[in-house]
Amino acid sequence: MKVVKNILIMLLVLFGIAQFFGPDRNEGDLTSVDAFLAETNPPEDVKLILKETCYDCHSDVTRYPWYNKITPVNYWLANHVKDGKKHFNVSNWEGNSIKRKDHKFEELIEMVEAKEMPLESYTWTHDEAKLTEMQIASVIEWAKQVRFTYSLMPKPE
């Protein structure tokens, strides 16, 4: 019993020390999404959906919840954001080719139609990110319009 007590005390101390360390935060300026918005021209309702459901993981602008201050949760969230930005990052939109942008919108449509985005683990704590059928339809309609626009643009050989 004494060994178990000592192990628990040691784990508690380690957990306490770990609270002083954490990953870098993903807190850029909201203007980092301006190029994306200017190019894709979403309607106001879609802009709000993007802000409430996408930017936290797919831009340089993450709004962190209170529990992000707790290690190891902050590492899990940082990894989640890093992975989200790897797949689709609206903050570095200008650096992508038309072909890549079109492909990203193709994936966006597939993921939203299949209700794979936003992730269920995100909507557990972000009720505002749970999309209604009408919101899904709005996002998909906008994304298809963007893809159509990209299809009209010349692509380098």
N, C-alpha and C. Protein backbone atom coordinates (compact mmCIF):
# COMPACT_ATOMS: atom_id res chain seq x y z
N MET A 1 0.82 -1.19 0.00
CA MET A 1 0.00 0.00 0.00
C MET A 1 0.87 1.26 0.00
N LYS A 2 1.99 1.21 0.73
CA LYS A 2 2.88 2.35 0.81
C LYS A 2 3.50 2.65 -0.56
N VAL A 3 3.81 1.60 -1.33
CA VAL A 3 4.39 1.77 -2.66
C VAL A 3 3.39 2.46 -3.58
N VAL A 4 2.14 2.05 -3.53
CA VAL A 4 1.10 2.65 -4.36
C VAL A 4 0.94 4.12 -4.00
N LYS A 5 0.95 4.42 -2.71
CA LYS A 5 0.81 5.81 -2.25
C LYS A 5 1.98 6.66 -2.77
N ASN A 6 3.20 6.13 -2.68
CA ASN A 6 4.37 6.86 -3.18
C ASN A 6 4.31 7.09 -4.69
N ILE A 7 3.85 6.09 -5.41
CA ILE A 7 3.71 6.23 -6.87
C ILE A 7 2.68 7.30 -7.19
N LEU A 8 1.56 7.30 -6.50
CA LEU A 8 0.51 8.31 -6.73
C LEU A 8 1.01 9.71 -6.41
N ILE A 9 1.76 9.85 -5.34
CA ILE A 9 2.32 11.16 -4.99
C ILE A 9 3.30 11.62 -6.05
N MET A 10 4.14 10.69 -6.54
CA MET A 10 5.11 11.04 -7.58
C MET A 10 4.38 11.45 -8.87
N LEU A 11 3.34 10.73 -9.23
CA LEU A 11 2.57 11.08 -10.43
C LEU A 11 1.90 12.45 -10.27
N LEU A 12 1.40 12.74 -9.10
CA LEU A 12 0.77 14.03 -8.84
C LEU A 12 1.79 15.16 -8.96
N VAL A 13 2.97 14.95 -8.44
CA VAL A 13 4.04 15.95 -8.53
C VAL A 13 4.43 16.16 -10.00
N LEU A 14 4.60 15.06 -10.73
CA LEU A 14 4.94 15.17 -12.16
C LEU A 14 3.85 15.90 -12.94
N PHE A 15 2.59 15.59 -12.62
CA PHE A 15 1.48 16.27 -13.28
C PHE A 15 1.52 17.77 -12.97
N GLY A 16 1.83 18.12 -11.73
CA GLY A 16 1.93 19.53 -11.34
C GLY A 16 3.06 20.24 -12.07
N ILE A 17 4.20 19.61 -12.17
CA ILE A 17 5.34 20.21 -12.88
C ILE A 17 5.03 20.35 -14.36
N ALA A 18 4.35 19.37 -14.92
CA ALA A 18 4.02 19.41 -16.35
C ALA A 18 3.14 20.61 -16.71
N GLN A 19 2.42 21.15 -15.75
CA GLN A 19 1.54 22.29 -16.02
C GLN A 19 2.31 23.55 -16.39
N PHE A 20 3.60 23.59 -16.08
CA PHE A 20 4.42 24.75 -16.42
C PHE A 20 4.98 24.69 -17.84
N PHE A 21 4.70 23.61 -18.53
CA PHE A 21 5.20 23.42 -19.89
C PHE A 21 4.01 23.21 -20.83
N GLY A 22 4.20 23.61 -22.06
CA GLY A 22 3.14 23.41 -23.04
C GLY A 22 3.63 23.71 -24.44
N PRO A 23 2.85 23.34 -25.42
CA PRO A 23 3.23 23.58 -26.81
C PRO A 23 3.02 25.05 -27.19
N ASP A 24 3.60 25.44 -28.32
CA ASP A 24 3.36 26.79 -28.83
C ASP A 24 1.90 26.92 -29.20
N ARG A 25 1.38 28.12 -29.01
CA ARG A 25 -0.03 28.36 -29.34
C ARG A 25 -0.15 28.85 -30.78
N ASN A 26 -1.27 28.55 -31.39
CA ASN A 26 -1.57 28.90 -32.78
C ASN A 26 -2.47 30.15 -32.76
N GLU A 27 -1.87 31.27 -32.43
CA GLU A 27 -2.66 32.49 -32.29
C GLU A 27 -2.15 33.58 -33.22
N GLY A 28 -2.53 33.47 -34.47
CA GLY A 28 -2.17 34.48 -35.44
C GLY A 28 -3.22 35.57 -35.47
N ASP A 29 -3.11 36.41 -36.46
CA ASP A 29 -4.02 37.53 -36.65
C ASP A 29 -5.15 37.09 -37.56
N LEU A 30 -6.35 37.54 -37.28
CA LEU A 30 -7.51 37.18 -38.09
C LEU A 30 -7.34 37.63 -39.54
N THR A 31 -6.49 38.62 -39.79
CA THR A 31 -6.26 39.07 -41.16
C THR A 31 -5.55 37.99 -41.99
N SER A 32 -5.03 36.96 -41.33
CA SER A 32 -4.36 35.89 -42.07
C SER A 32 -5.32 35.11 -42.97
N VAL A 33 -6.62 35.27 -42.77
CA VAL A 33 -7.60 34.58 -43.61
C VAL A 33 -8.16 35.49 -44.70
N ASP A 34 -7.72 36.74 -44.74
CA ASP A 34 -8.26 37.72 -45.69
C ASP A 34 -8.08 37.30 -47.15
N ALA A 35 -6.91 36.78 -47.50
CA ALA A 35 -6.67 36.37 -48.90
C ALA A 35 -7.62 35.24 -49.29
N PHE A 36 -7.81 34.30 -48.39
CA PHE A 36 -8.74 33.19 -48.64
C PHE A 36 -10.16 33.72 -48.85
N LEU A 37 -10.60 34.60 -47.97
CA LEU A 37 -11.95 35.15 -48.08
C LEU A 37 -12.12 35.98 -49.35
N ALA A 38 -11.11 36.78 -49.68
CA ALA A 38 -11.19 37.62 -50.88
C ALA A 38 -11.28 36.76 -52.14
N GLU A 39 -10.51 35.70 -52.18
CA GLU A 39 -10.49 34.85 -53.38
C GLU A 39 -11.73 33.97 -53.50
N THR A 40 -12.21 33.45 -52.39
CA THR A 40 -13.32 32.50 -52.45
C THR A 40 -14.69 33.16 -52.26
N ASN A 41 -14.70 34.38 -51.76
CA ASN A 41 -15.90 35.21 -51.65
C ASN A 41 -17.12 34.48 -51.06
N PRO A 42 -17.01 33.97 -49.83
CA PRO A 42 -18.17 33.28 -49.26
C PRO A 42 -19.26 34.28 -48.86
N PRO A 43 -20.52 33.87 -48.96
CA PRO A 43 -21.59 34.72 -48.45
C PRO A 43 -21.48 34.86 -46.93
N GLU A 44 -22.17 35.82 -46.37
CA GLU A 44 -22.04 36.11 -44.94
C GLU A 44 -22.33 34.90 -44.06
N ASP A 45 -23.36 34.12 -44.40
CA ASP A 45 -23.68 32.95 -43.56
C ASP A 45 -22.55 31.93 -43.59
N VAL A 46 -21.91 31.76 -44.73
CA VAL A 46 -20.79 30.81 -44.83
C VAL A 46 -19.57 31.37 -44.11
N LYS A 47 -19.35 32.68 -44.18
CA LYS A 47 -18.24 33.29 -43.43
C LYS A 47 -18.37 32.97 -41.94
N LEU A 48 -19.58 33.09 -41.42
CA LEU A 48 -19.81 32.79 -40.01
C LEU A 48 -19.57 31.31 -39.72
N ILE A 49 -20.02 30.45 -40.60
CA ILE A 49 -19.79 29.01 -40.43
C ILE A 49 -18.29 28.72 -40.42
N LEU A 50 -17.55 29.31 -41.35
CA LEU A 50 -16.10 29.11 -41.41
C LEU A 50 -15.44 29.55 -40.11
N LYS A 51 -15.85 30.71 -39.61
CA LYS A 51 -15.27 31.23 -38.38
C LYS A 51 -15.57 30.34 -37.18
N GLU A 52 -16.80 29.86 -37.10
CA GLU A 52 -17.22 29.07 -35.94
C GLU A 52 -16.80 27.61 -36.00
N THR A 53 -16.58 27.09 -37.22
CA THR A 53 -16.33 25.64 -37.32
C THR A 53 -15.00 25.26 -37.93
N CYS A 54 -14.33 26.17 -38.62
CA CYS A 54 -13.14 25.77 -39.39
C CYS A 54 -11.85 26.43 -38.92
N TYR A 55 -11.90 27.70 -38.61
CA TYR A 55 -10.66 28.45 -38.37
C TYR A 55 -9.84 27.91 -37.20
N ASP A 56 -10.47 27.39 -36.17
CA ASP A 56 -9.69 26.92 -35.01
C ASP A 56 -8.65 25.88 -35.40
N CYS A 57 -8.97 25.03 -36.36
CA CYS A 57 -8.04 23.97 -36.74
C CYS A 57 -7.43 24.15 -38.12
N HIS A 58 -8.01 25.02 -38.93
CA HIS A 58 -7.56 25.14 -40.31
C HIS A 58 -7.08 26.54 -40.67
N SER A 59 -6.54 27.26 -39.68
CA SER A 59 -5.97 28.58 -39.93
C SER A 59 -4.96 28.89 -38.83
N ASP A 60 -4.39 30.08 -38.90
CA ASP A 60 -3.45 30.52 -37.86
C ASP A 60 -4.18 31.24 -36.73
N VAL A 61 -5.50 31.08 -36.66
CA VAL A 61 -6.32 31.79 -35.68
C VAL A 61 -7.13 30.79 -34.86
N THR A 62 -6.55 30.31 -33.77
CA THR A 62 -7.25 29.36 -32.91
C THR A 62 -7.76 30.06 -31.67
N ARG A 63 -9.04 29.85 -31.38
CA ARG A 63 -9.63 30.33 -30.11
C ARG A 63 -9.53 29.15 -29.14
N TYR A 64 -8.73 29.32 -28.13
CA TYR A 64 -8.49 28.21 -27.21
C TYR A 64 -9.50 28.18 -26.08
N PRO A 65 -10.01 26.98 -25.76
CA PRO A 65 -10.91 26.85 -24.61
C PRO A 65 -10.11 26.88 -23.31
N TRP A 66 -10.79 27.05 -22.20
CA TRP A 66 -10.13 27.13 -20.91
C TRP A 66 -9.29 25.89 -20.61
N TYR A 67 -9.75 24.73 -21.03
CA TYR A 67 -9.06 23.49 -20.69
C TYR A 67 -7.77 23.29 -21.48
N ASN A 68 -7.47 24.21 -22.40
CA ASN A 68 -6.21 24.12 -23.12
C ASN A 68 -5.02 24.45 -22.22
N LYS A 69 -5.27 24.98 -21.05
CA LYS A 69 -4.19 25.29 -20.12
C LYS A 69 -3.73 24.04 -19.34
N ILE A 70 -4.42 22.95 -19.52
CA ILE A 70 -4.12 21.72 -18.77
C ILE A 70 -3.27 20.79 -19.64
N THR A 71 -2.10 20.45 -19.13
CA THR A 71 -1.25 19.44 -19.78
C THR A 71 -1.77 18.09 -19.31
N PRO A 72 -2.00 17.15 -20.15
CA PRO A 72 -1.59 16.93 -21.53
C PRO A 72 -2.64 17.34 -22.57
N VAL A 73 -3.77 17.90 -22.15
CA VAL A 73 -4.81 18.29 -23.11
C VAL A 73 -4.27 19.28 -24.13
N ASN A 74 -3.43 20.23 -23.66
CA ASN A 74 -2.90 21.25 -24.58
C ASN A 74 -2.03 20.63 -25.68
N TYR A 75 -1.33 19.56 -25.37
CA TYR A 75 -0.54 18.88 -26.40
C TYR A 75 -1.44 18.17 -27.42
N TRP A 76 -2.51 17.57 -26.92
CA TRP A 76 -3.45 16.90 -27.80
C TRP A 76 -4.09 17.92 -28.75
N LEU A 77 -4.51 19.07 -28.21
CA LEU A 77 -5.11 20.11 -29.05
C LEU A 77 -4.11 20.67 -30.06
N ALA A 78 -2.87 20.89 -29.62
CA ALA A 78 -1.85 21.41 -30.54
C ALA A 78 -1.61 20.45 -31.69
N ASN A 79 -1.58 19.16 -31.40
CA ASN A 79 -1.39 18.17 -32.44
C ASN A 79 -2.59 18.14 -33.39
N HIS A 80 -3.76 18.29 -32.83
CA HIS A 80 -4.99 18.31 -33.62
C HIS A 80 -4.98 19.50 -34.59
N VAL A 81 -4.59 20.67 -34.11
CA VAL A 81 -4.52 21.88 -34.95
C VAL A 81 -3.44 21.72 -36.01
N LYS A 82 -2.30 21.20 -35.62
CA LYS A 82 -1.21 20.99 -36.58
C LYS A 82 -1.65 20.06 -37.71
N ASP A 83 -2.34 19.00 -37.36
CA ASP A 83 -2.83 18.05 -38.36
C ASP A 83 -3.89 18.71 -39.25
N GLY A 84 -4.78 19.48 -38.67
CA GLY A 84 -5.81 20.16 -39.44
C GLY A 84 -5.21 21.14 -40.44
N LYS A 85 -4.21 21.90 -40.01
CA LYS A 85 -3.56 22.86 -40.90
C LYS A 85 -2.76 22.16 -41.99
N LYS A 86 -2.25 20.98 -41.70
CA LYS A 86 -1.51 20.22 -42.71
C LYS A 86 -2.43 19.85 -43.87
N HIS A 87 -3.68 19.54 -43.57
CA HIS A 87 -4.62 19.12 -44.60
C HIS A 87 -5.29 20.29 -45.32
N PHE A 88 -5.56 21.37 -44.60
CA PHE A 88 -6.30 22.49 -45.19
C PHE A 88 -6.02 23.72 -44.33
N ASN A 89 -5.23 24.65 -44.86
CA ASN A 89 -4.86 25.83 -44.09
C ASN A 89 -5.24 27.09 -44.87
N VAL A 90 -6.26 27.77 -44.40
CA VAL A 90 -6.73 28.96 -45.11
C VAL A 90 -5.81 30.16 -44.89
N SER A 91 -4.90 30.07 -43.93
CA SER A 91 -3.99 31.19 -43.66
C SER A 91 -2.82 31.27 -44.63
N ASN A 92 -2.55 30.20 -45.34
CA ASN A 92 -1.49 30.26 -46.36
C ASN A 92 -2.06 29.95 -47.74
N TRP A 93 -3.24 30.43 -47.98
CA TRP A 93 -3.98 30.14 -49.21
C TRP A 93 -3.26 30.64 -50.45
N GLU A 94 -2.65 31.82 -50.36
CA GLU A 94 -2.00 32.43 -51.52
C GLU A 94 -0.86 31.58 -52.08
N GLY A 95 -0.23 30.78 -51.26
CA GLY A 95 0.92 30.00 -51.70
C GLY A 95 0.57 28.73 -52.45
N ASN A 96 -0.72 28.46 -52.68
CA ASN A 96 -1.14 27.23 -53.34
C ASN A 96 -1.46 27.46 -54.81
N SER A 97 -1.25 26.44 -55.62
CA SER A 97 -1.61 26.50 -57.04
C SER A 97 -3.13 26.39 -57.17
N ILE A 98 -3.65 26.77 -58.32
CA ILE A 98 -5.08 26.64 -58.60
C ILE A 98 -5.48 25.17 -58.50
N LYS A 99 -4.66 24.29 -59.03
CA LYS A 99 -4.95 22.86 -58.98
C LYS A 99 -5.08 22.38 -57.53
N ARG A 100 -4.16 22.81 -56.67
CA ARG A 100 -4.21 22.40 -55.26
C ARG A 100 -5.43 23.00 -54.56
N LYS A 101 -5.71 24.26 -54.84
CA LYS A 101 -6.87 24.91 -54.23
C LYS A 101 -8.15 24.17 -54.62
N ASP A 102 -8.27 23.85 -55.90
CA ASP A 102 -9.43 23.13 -56.39
C ASP A 102 -9.55 21.78 -55.68
N HIS A 103 -8.42 21.09 -55.55
CA HIS A 103 -8.42 19.80 -54.86
C HIS A 103 -8.85 19.94 -53.40
N LYS A 104 -8.40 20.99 -52.74
CA LYS A 104 -8.78 21.21 -51.34
C LYS A 104 -10.28 21.44 -51.23
N PHE A 105 -10.84 22.15 -52.19
CA PHE A 105 -12.29 22.36 -52.18
C PHE A 105 -13.05 21.08 -52.51
N GLU A 106 -12.49 20.25 -53.36
CA GLU A 106 -13.09 18.95 -53.65
C GLU A 106 -13.15 18.13 -52.35
N GLU A 107 -12.04 18.13 -51.60
CA GLU A 107 -12.01 17.41 -50.33
C GLU A 107 -12.97 18.02 -49.32
N LEU A 108 -13.04 19.36 -49.29
CA LEU A 108 -13.95 20.05 -48.38
C LEU A 108 -15.38 19.58 -48.63
N ILE A 109 -15.78 19.55 -49.90
CA ILE A 109 -17.13 19.12 -50.24
C ILE A 109 -17.37 17.69 -49.78
N GLU A 110 -16.43 16.80 -50.07
CA GLU A 110 -16.57 15.39 -49.67
C GLU A 110 -16.71 15.26 -48.15
N MET A 111 -15.87 15.96 -47.42
CA MET A 111 -15.86 15.83 -45.95
C MET A 111 -17.13 16.41 -45.33
N VAL A 112 -17.59 17.54 -45.83
CA VAL A 112 -18.80 18.16 -45.27
C VAL A 112 -20.03 17.35 -45.64
N GLU A 113 -20.11 16.89 -46.89
CA GLU A 113 -21.25 16.04 -47.31
C GLU A 113 -21.34 14.77 -46.49
N ALA A 114 -20.19 14.17 -46.20
CA ALA A 114 -20.15 12.93 -45.42
C ALA A 114 -20.28 13.19 -43.91
N LYS A 115 -20.38 14.46 -43.54
CA LYS A 115 -20.48 14.89 -42.13
C LYS A 115 -19.27 14.44 -41.32
N GLU A 116 -18.11 14.39 -42.00
CA GLU A 116 -16.85 14.08 -41.32
C GLU A 116 -16.19 15.34 -40.80
N MET A 117 -16.65 16.49 -41.29
CA MET A 117 -16.16 17.78 -40.82
C MET A 117 -17.37 18.63 -40.48
N PRO A 118 -17.31 19.36 -39.39
CA PRO A 118 -16.25 19.34 -38.40
C PRO A 118 -16.22 18.02 -37.64
N LEU A 119 -15.05 17.73 -37.11
CA LEU A 119 -14.87 16.48 -36.39
C LEU A 119 -15.80 16.39 -35.19
N GLU A 120 -16.24 15.18 -34.91
CA GLU A 120 -17.12 14.97 -33.76
C GLU A 120 -16.42 15.36 -32.46
N SER A 121 -15.12 15.10 -32.36
CA SER A 121 -14.38 15.47 -31.14
C SER A 121 -14.36 16.98 -30.93
N TYR A 122 -14.48 17.74 -32.02
CA TYR A 122 -14.55 19.21 -31.92
C TYR A 122 -15.95 19.66 -31.50
N THR A 123 -16.96 19.05 -32.06
CA THR A 123 -18.33 19.48 -31.76
C THR A 123 -18.79 19.08 -30.36
N TRP A 124 -18.08 18.16 -29.71
CA TRP A 124 -18.42 17.82 -28.33
C TRP A 124 -18.36 19.06 -27.45
N THR A 125 -17.37 19.89 -27.69
CA THR A 125 -17.18 21.06 -26.84
C THR A 125 -17.50 22.38 -27.54
N HIS A 126 -17.92 22.31 -28.79
CA HIS A 126 -18.27 23.50 -29.56
C HIS A 126 -19.64 23.29 -30.20
N ASP A 127 -20.68 23.48 -29.44
CA ASP A 127 -22.04 23.27 -29.95
C ASP A 127 -22.33 24.09 -31.20
N GLU A 128 -21.76 25.29 -31.26
CA GLU A 128 -22.00 26.17 -32.40
C GLU A 128 -21.42 25.60 -33.69
N ALA A 129 -20.57 24.60 -33.59
CA ALA A 129 -19.94 24.00 -34.77
C ALA A 129 -20.75 22.84 -35.34
N LYS A 130 -21.82 22.46 -34.68
CA LYS A 130 -22.67 21.38 -35.21
C LYS A 130 -23.50 21.96 -36.34
N LEU A 131 -23.24 21.50 -37.55
CA LEU A 131 -23.89 22.07 -38.72
C LEU A 131 -25.28 21.47 -38.95
N THR A 132 -26.21 22.34 -39.27
CA THR A 132 -27.55 21.90 -39.67
C THR A 132 -27.49 21.49 -41.14
N GLU A 133 -28.53 20.83 -41.60
CA GLU A 133 -28.60 20.44 -43.00
C GLU A 133 -28.56 21.67 -43.91
N MET A 134 -29.19 22.75 -43.47
CA MET A 134 -29.20 23.98 -44.26
C MET A 134 -27.79 24.59 -44.34
N GLN A 135 -27.07 24.57 -43.23
CA GLN A 135 -25.70 25.09 -43.23
C GLN A 135 -24.79 24.23 -44.11
N ILE A 136 -24.97 22.92 -44.04
CA ILE A 136 -24.18 22.02 -44.89
C ILE A 136 -24.45 22.35 -46.35
N ALA A 137 -25.71 22.53 -46.70
CA ALA A 137 -26.07 22.85 -48.08
C ALA A 137 -25.44 24.17 -48.51
N SER A 138 -25.44 25.17 -47.63
CA SER A 138 -24.84 26.47 -47.96
C SER A 138 -23.35 26.36 -48.21
N VAL A 139 -22.67 25.62 -47.36
CA VAL A 139 -21.21 25.46 -47.51
C VAL A 139 -20.91 24.71 -48.82
N ILE A 140 -21.65 23.67 -49.08
CA ILE A 140 -21.41 22.88 -50.29
C ILE A 140 -21.70 23.70 -51.54
N GLU A 141 -22.78 24.45 -51.54
CA GLU A 141 -23.11 25.29 -52.70
C GLU A 141 -22.00 26.31 -52.96
N TRP A 142 -21.53 26.96 -51.90
CA TRP A 142 -20.43 27.93 -52.03
C TRP A 142 -19.17 27.24 -52.55
N ALA A 143 -18.84 26.08 -51.98
CA ALA A 143 -17.62 25.37 -52.38
C ALA A 143 -17.69 24.94 -53.85
N LYS A 144 -18.85 24.53 -54.30
CA LYS A 144 -19.01 24.15 -55.71
C LYS A 144 -18.85 25.36 -56.61
N GLN A 145 -19.34 26.52 -56.18
CA GLN A 145 -19.16 27.75 -56.95
C GLN A 145 -17.68 28.10 -57.05
N VAL A 146 -16.95 27.94 -55.95
CA VAL A 146 -15.51 28.22 -55.96
C VAL A 146 -14.81 27.27 -56.91
N ARG A 147 -15.16 26.00 -56.87
CA ARG A 147 -14.55 25.02 -57.78
C ARG A 147 -14.84 25.37 -59.24
N PHE A 148 -16.05 25.83 -59.51
CA PHE A 148 -16.40 26.24 -60.87
C PHE A 148 -15.51 27.40 -61.31
N THR A 149 -15.32 28.36 -60.43
CA THR A 149 -14.44 29.51 -60.72
C THR A 149 -13.03 29.03 -61.02
N TYR A 150 -12.53 28.11 -60.21
CA TYR A 150 -11.19 27.57 -60.44
C TYR A 150 -11.11 26.83 -61.76
N SER A 151 -12.19 26.17 -62.17
CA SER A 151 -12.17 25.42 -63.44
C SER A 151 -12.04 26.35 -64.63
N LEU A 152 -12.44 27.60 -64.48
CA LEU A 152 -12.34 28.58 -65.57
C LEU A 152 -10.96 29.24 -65.65
N MET A 153 -10.18 29.07 -64.62
CA MET A 153 -8.85 29.71 -64.59
C MET A 153 -7.84 28.89 -65.36
N PRO A 154 -6.93 29.55 -66.04
CA PRO A 154 -5.88 28.81 -66.77
C PRO A 154 -4.96 28.09 -65.79
N LYS A 155 -4.61 26.89 -66.14
CA LYS A 155 -3.70 26.10 -65.30
C LYS A 155 -2.38 25.95 -66.03
N PRO A 156 -1.28 26.13 -65.31
CA PRO A 156 0.03 25.97 -65.96
C PRO A 156 0.24 24.53 -66.42
N GLU A 157 0.93 24.41 -67.52
CA GLU A 157 1.20 23.07 -68.08
C GLU A 157 2.23 22.35 -67.29
